[in-house]
Amino acid sequence: MALFEQWEYMTKFVWANIDREGAKDYLQRTWPKWQNPPKYTPEAMIPELNDWGKYGWELVHMEPIPSPGKNYDIGYAHGGTGGVDWSNVYFCVFKRRITVEV
């Protein structure tokens, strides 16, 4: 029997929102002089990302998306309307090493 290392992947939507569990406390502890951080500041995602890191997951890709659809699909804007889409939702890809016996 031999041991081989492989990668396991996970995809997840992460919302930047200071109302999410642990976000306000984290921001106050980490940046005590930061008064009234914006509701959708990306720093609000750090507690959740750190939690995944505790389980061995490494964030390898992150990109903002308009928002997931009702089936958690991702919509794309088409055409050149020149408008701006705002979002606080990020599509994230994580990986972690696993060992497989063959």
N, C-alpha and C. Protein backbone atom coordinates (compact mmCIF):
# COMPACT_ATOMS: atom_id res chain seq x y z
N MET A 1 0.83 -1.17 0.00
CA MET A 1 0.00 0.00 0.00
C MET A 1 0.88 1.25 0.00
N ALA A 2 0.47 2.23 -0.78
CA ALA A 2 1.22 3.47 -0.85
C ALA A 2 0.31 4.64 -0.50
N LEU A 3 0.90 5.69 0.03
CA LEU A 3 0.15 6.90 0.37
C LEU A 3 0.43 7.97 -0.68
N PHE A 4 -0.60 8.59 -1.17
CA PHE A 4 -0.46 9.66 -2.15
C PHE A 4 -1.17 10.90 -1.63
N GLU A 5 -0.58 12.05 -1.90
CA GLU A 5 -1.22 13.30 -1.52
C GLU A 5 -2.04 13.81 -2.70
N GLN A 6 -3.22 14.26 -2.40
CA GLN A 6 -4.10 14.84 -3.40
C GLN A 6 -4.71 16.11 -2.82
N TRP A 7 -5.43 16.83 -3.66
CA TRP A 7 -6.13 18.03 -3.22
C TRP A 7 -7.63 17.78 -3.21
N GLU A 8 -8.27 18.32 -2.23
CA GLU A 8 -9.72 18.32 -2.13
C GLU A 8 -10.15 19.78 -2.29
N TYR A 9 -11.22 20.03 -3.02
CA TYR A 9 -11.66 21.40 -3.29
C TYR A 9 -13.07 21.64 -2.74
N MET A 10 -13.34 22.90 -2.44
CA MET A 10 -14.66 23.31 -1.97
C MET A 10 -14.95 24.69 -2.54
N THR A 11 -16.18 24.91 -2.97
CA THR A 11 -16.61 26.24 -3.41
C THR A 11 -17.68 26.74 -2.46
N LYS A 12 -17.71 28.05 -2.28
CA LYS A 12 -18.62 28.63 -1.30
C LYS A 12 -18.86 30.09 -1.62
N PHE A 13 -20.09 30.57 -1.37
CA PHE A 13 -20.37 32.00 -1.42
C PHE A 13 -20.11 32.57 -0.03
N VAL A 14 -19.43 33.70 0.03
CA VAL A 14 -19.17 34.38 1.29
C VAL A 14 -19.70 35.80 1.18
N TRP A 15 -20.49 36.21 2.16
CA TRP A 15 -21.07 37.54 2.17
C TRP A 15 -20.25 38.47 3.06
N ALA A 16 -19.90 39.64 2.55
CA ALA A 16 -19.26 40.68 3.35
C ALA A 16 -20.38 41.49 3.98
N ASN A 17 -20.58 41.34 5.27
CA ASN A 17 -21.66 42.04 5.95
C ASN A 17 -21.34 42.04 7.44
N ILE A 18 -21.22 43.21 8.04
CA ILE A 18 -20.83 43.26 9.46
C ILE A 18 -21.92 42.71 10.38
N ASP A 19 -23.12 42.45 9.85
CA ASP A 19 -24.17 41.86 10.67
C ASP A 19 -24.05 40.34 10.77
N ARG A 20 -23.10 39.74 10.05
CA ARG A 20 -22.90 38.29 10.15
C ARG A 20 -22.24 37.96 11.48
N GLU A 21 -22.49 36.77 11.96
CA GLU A 21 -22.01 36.36 13.28
C GLU A 21 -20.50 36.55 13.44
N GLY A 22 -20.12 37.24 14.49
CA GLY A 22 -18.71 37.44 14.82
C GLY A 22 -18.02 38.58 14.11
N ALA A 23 -18.63 39.15 13.08
CA ALA A 23 -17.94 40.17 12.28
C ALA A 23 -17.72 41.46 13.06
N LYS A 24 -18.75 41.98 13.71
CA LYS A 24 -18.60 43.24 14.46
C LYS A 24 -17.57 43.10 15.56
N ASP A 25 -17.64 42.00 16.32
CA ASP A 25 -16.67 41.79 17.40
C ASP A 25 -15.25 41.72 16.86
N TYR A 26 -15.08 41.01 15.75
CA TYR A 26 -13.75 40.90 15.14
C TYR A 26 -13.23 42.27 14.72
N LEU A 27 -14.07 43.06 14.06
CA LEU A 27 -13.63 44.37 13.61
C LEU A 27 -13.28 45.27 14.78
N GLN A 28 -14.06 45.23 15.85
CA GLN A 28 -13.78 46.07 17.02
C GLN A 28 -12.49 45.64 17.72
N ARG A 29 -12.25 44.33 17.81
CA ARG A 29 -11.01 43.83 18.44
C ARG A 29 -9.78 44.15 17.60
N THR A 30 -9.90 43.97 16.29
CA THR A 30 -8.76 44.11 15.40
C THR A 30 -8.44 45.57 15.10
N TRP A 31 -9.46 46.38 14.91
CA TRP A 31 -9.28 47.80 14.59
C TRP A 31 -10.12 48.64 15.56
N PRO A 32 -9.71 48.74 16.83
CA PRO A 32 -10.53 49.42 17.83
C PRO A 32 -10.80 50.90 17.52
N LYS A 33 -9.96 51.54 16.75
CA LYS A 33 -10.16 52.96 16.44
C LYS A 33 -11.03 53.17 15.20
N TRP A 34 -11.42 52.10 14.53
CA TRP A 34 -12.24 52.21 13.32
C TRP A 34 -13.69 52.38 13.75
N GLN A 35 -14.15 53.59 13.72
CA GLN A 35 -15.51 53.90 14.11
C GLN A 35 -16.46 53.72 12.91
N ASN A 36 -17.56 53.06 13.12
CA ASN A 36 -18.59 52.89 12.10
C ASN A 36 -18.07 52.32 10.78
N PRO A 37 -17.53 51.12 10.78
CA PRO A 37 -17.09 50.53 9.50
C PRO A 37 -18.29 50.35 8.57
N PRO A 38 -18.08 50.46 7.27
CA PRO A 38 -19.19 50.27 6.32
C PRO A 38 -19.80 48.87 6.48
N LYS A 39 -21.10 48.79 6.30
CA LYS A 39 -21.83 47.54 6.50
C LYS A 39 -21.26 46.40 5.66
N TYR A 40 -20.84 46.68 4.44
CA TYR A 40 -20.39 45.63 3.53
C TYR A 40 -18.87 45.62 3.33
N THR A 41 -18.12 46.06 4.31
CA THR A 41 -16.67 46.07 4.18
C THR A 41 -16.13 44.65 4.02
N PRO A 42 -15.21 44.42 3.10
CA PRO A 42 -14.67 43.08 2.90
C PRO A 42 -14.02 42.48 4.16
N GLU A 43 -13.54 43.32 5.06
CA GLU A 43 -12.94 42.82 6.29
C GLU A 43 -13.93 42.01 7.13
N ALA A 44 -15.23 42.21 6.90
CA ALA A 44 -16.25 41.46 7.64
C ALA A 44 -16.23 39.97 7.30
N MET A 45 -15.58 39.59 6.20
CA MET A 45 -15.50 38.18 5.82
C MET A 45 -14.39 37.43 6.56
N ILE A 46 -13.46 38.15 7.16
CA ILE A 46 -12.28 37.52 7.74
C ILE A 46 -12.61 36.46 8.79
N PRO A 47 -13.56 36.68 9.72
CA PRO A 47 -13.84 35.61 10.69
C PRO A 47 -14.27 34.30 10.02
N GLU A 48 -15.12 34.37 9.01
CA GLU A 48 -15.55 33.14 8.33
C GLU A 48 -14.39 32.50 7.58
N LEU A 49 -13.58 33.31 6.89
CA LEU A 49 -12.43 32.76 6.17
C LEU A 49 -11.44 32.12 7.14
N ASN A 50 -11.22 32.75 8.29
CA ASN A 50 -10.33 32.17 9.30
C ASN A 50 -10.89 30.84 9.83
N ASP A 51 -12.20 30.76 9.99
CA ASP A 51 -12.80 29.50 10.45
C ASP A 51 -12.51 28.37 9.47
N TRP A 52 -12.65 28.64 8.17
CA TRP A 52 -12.33 27.60 7.18
C TRP A 52 -10.85 27.24 7.24
N GLY A 53 -9.99 28.23 7.47
CA GLY A 53 -8.56 27.96 7.60
C GLY A 53 -8.24 27.04 8.77
N LYS A 54 -9.00 27.14 9.84
CA LYS A 54 -8.78 26.26 11.01
C LYS A 54 -9.01 24.79 10.66
N TYR A 55 -9.80 24.53 9.65
CA TYR A 55 -10.07 23.16 9.21
C TYR A 55 -9.16 22.75 8.05
N GLY A 56 -8.13 23.53 7.79
CA GLY A 56 -7.15 23.17 6.77
C GLY A 56 -7.46 23.68 5.37
N TRP A 57 -8.53 24.47 5.21
CA TRP A 57 -8.89 24.97 3.88
C TRP A 57 -8.12 26.24 3.58
N GLU A 58 -7.48 26.27 2.43
CA GLU A 58 -6.75 27.44 1.95
C GLU A 58 -7.57 28.12 0.86
N LEU A 59 -7.77 29.42 1.00
CA LEU A 59 -8.49 30.18 -0.03
C LEU A 59 -7.57 30.37 -1.22
N VAL A 60 -7.98 29.88 -2.39
CA VAL A 60 -7.12 29.99 -3.58
C VAL A 60 -7.71 30.90 -4.65
N HIS A 61 -8.99 31.25 -4.50
CA HIS A 61 -9.61 32.16 -5.48
C HIS A 61 -10.80 32.84 -4.84
N MET A 62 -10.95 34.13 -5.15
CA MET A 62 -12.11 34.88 -4.66
C MET A 62 -12.46 35.91 -5.71
N GLU A 63 -13.75 36.02 -6.03
CA GLU A 63 -14.17 37.07 -6.96
C GLU A 63 -15.58 37.52 -6.60
N PRO A 64 -15.83 38.83 -6.73
CA PRO A 64 -17.17 39.31 -6.45
C PRO A 64 -18.12 38.87 -7.55
N ILE A 65 -19.35 38.62 -7.14
CA ILE A 65 -20.40 38.26 -8.11
C ILE A 65 -21.60 39.15 -7.82
N PRO A 66 -22.49 39.35 -8.81
CA PRO A 66 -23.65 40.20 -8.55
C PRO A 66 -24.48 39.69 -7.37
N SER A 67 -24.84 38.44 -7.37
CA SER A 67 -25.49 37.75 -6.26
C SER A 67 -25.90 36.38 -6.77
N PRO A 68 -25.95 35.40 -5.89
CA PRO A 68 -26.39 34.09 -6.35
C PRO A 68 -27.89 34.10 -6.63
N GLY A 69 -28.30 33.32 -7.62
CA GLY A 69 -29.72 33.18 -7.93
C GLY A 69 -30.41 32.29 -6.92
N LYS A 70 -31.70 32.07 -7.11
CA LYS A 70 -32.46 31.26 -6.15
C LYS A 70 -31.97 29.82 -6.11
N ASN A 71 -31.32 29.36 -7.16
CA ASN A 71 -30.73 28.02 -7.19
C ASN A 71 -29.22 28.05 -6.95
N TYR A 72 -28.76 29.18 -6.41
CA TYR A 72 -27.34 29.42 -6.16
C TYR A 72 -26.52 29.41 -7.44
N ASP A 73 -27.16 29.77 -8.53
CA ASP A 73 -26.43 29.96 -9.78
C ASP A 73 -25.92 31.41 -9.80
N ILE A 74 -25.04 31.71 -10.74
CA ILE A 74 -24.41 33.03 -10.79
C ILE A 74 -24.84 33.72 -12.07
N GLY A 75 -25.36 34.94 -11.94
CA GLY A 75 -25.78 35.71 -13.10
C GLY A 75 -24.66 36.61 -13.60
N TYR A 76 -24.68 36.91 -14.86
CA TYR A 76 -23.70 37.80 -15.47
C TYR A 76 -24.43 38.93 -16.19
N ALA A 77 -23.87 40.11 -16.10
CA ALA A 77 -24.43 41.24 -16.83
C ALA A 77 -23.99 41.16 -18.28
N HIS A 78 -24.90 41.52 -19.21
CA HIS A 78 -24.49 41.55 -20.61
C HIS A 78 -24.72 42.95 -21.16
N GLY A 79 -24.06 43.18 -22.24
CA GLY A 79 -24.22 44.47 -22.91
C GLY A 79 -23.39 45.55 -22.26
N GLY A 80 -23.35 46.66 -22.92
CA GLY A 80 -22.54 47.77 -22.44
C GLY A 80 -23.40 48.90 -21.92
N THR A 81 -24.18 48.64 -20.90
CA THR A 81 -25.08 49.66 -20.38
C THR A 81 -24.33 50.78 -19.67
N GLY A 82 -23.11 50.51 -19.26
CA GLY A 82 -22.32 51.52 -18.56
C GLY A 82 -22.69 51.67 -17.10
N GLY A 83 -23.68 50.93 -16.63
CA GLY A 83 -24.08 51.01 -15.23
C GLY A 83 -23.11 50.26 -14.34
N VAL A 84 -23.24 50.48 -13.06
CA VAL A 84 -22.39 49.82 -12.08
C VAL A 84 -23.25 48.87 -11.26
N ASP A 85 -22.79 47.64 -11.12
CA ASP A 85 -23.45 46.67 -10.25
C ASP A 85 -22.67 46.61 -8.94
N TRP A 86 -23.36 46.70 -7.83
CA TRP A 86 -22.72 46.63 -6.52
C TRP A 86 -23.05 45.29 -5.89
N SER A 87 -22.10 44.73 -5.17
CA SER A 87 -22.34 43.45 -4.54
C SER A 87 -21.47 43.30 -3.30
N ASN A 88 -21.95 42.50 -2.37
CA ASN A 88 -21.15 42.14 -1.20
C ASN A 88 -21.01 40.62 -1.11
N VAL A 89 -21.23 39.93 -2.25
CA VAL A 89 -21.15 38.48 -2.31
C VAL A 89 -19.91 38.09 -3.11
N TYR A 90 -19.15 37.13 -2.57
CA TYR A 90 -17.92 36.68 -3.22
C TYR A 90 -17.98 35.17 -3.43
N PHE A 91 -17.60 34.75 -4.61
CA PHE A 91 -17.47 33.33 -4.92
C PHE A 91 -16.05 32.92 -4.53
N CYS A 92 -15.93 31.94 -3.65
CA CYS A 92 -14.62 31.54 -3.13
C CYS A 92 -14.34 30.07 -3.45
N VAL A 93 -13.10 29.78 -3.75
CA VAL A 93 -12.64 28.41 -3.96
C VAL A 93 -11.56 28.13 -2.92
N PHE A 94 -11.71 27.04 -2.22
CA PHE A 94 -10.75 26.61 -1.20
C PHE A 94 -10.17 25.27 -1.61
N LYS A 95 -8.98 24.97 -1.08
CA LYS A 95 -8.42 23.63 -1.26
C LYS A 95 -7.72 23.21 0.01
N ARG A 96 -7.60 21.89 0.18
CA ARG A 96 -6.80 21.35 1.28
C ARG A 96 -6.24 20.01 0.84
N ARG A 97 -5.13 19.70 1.41
CA ARG A 97 -4.40 18.49 1.08
C ARG A 97 -5.05 17.29 1.79
N ILE A 98 -5.21 16.20 1.06
CA ILE A 98 -5.68 14.95 1.66
C ILE A 98 -4.70 13.84 1.30
N THR A 99 -4.66 12.83 2.10
CA THR A 99 -3.79 11.67 1.85
C THR A 99 -4.67 10.48 1.52
N VAL A 100 -4.35 9.81 0.44
CA VAL A 100 -5.15 8.68 -0.04
C VAL A 100 -4.27 7.43 -0.05
N GLU A 101 -4.82 6.33 0.45
CA GLU A 101 -4.11 5.06 0.40
C GLU A 101 -4.49 4.35 -0.90
N VAL A 102 -3.48 3.88 -1.63
CA VAL A 102 -3.74 3.14 -2.88
C VAL A 102 -3.05 1.80 -2.80
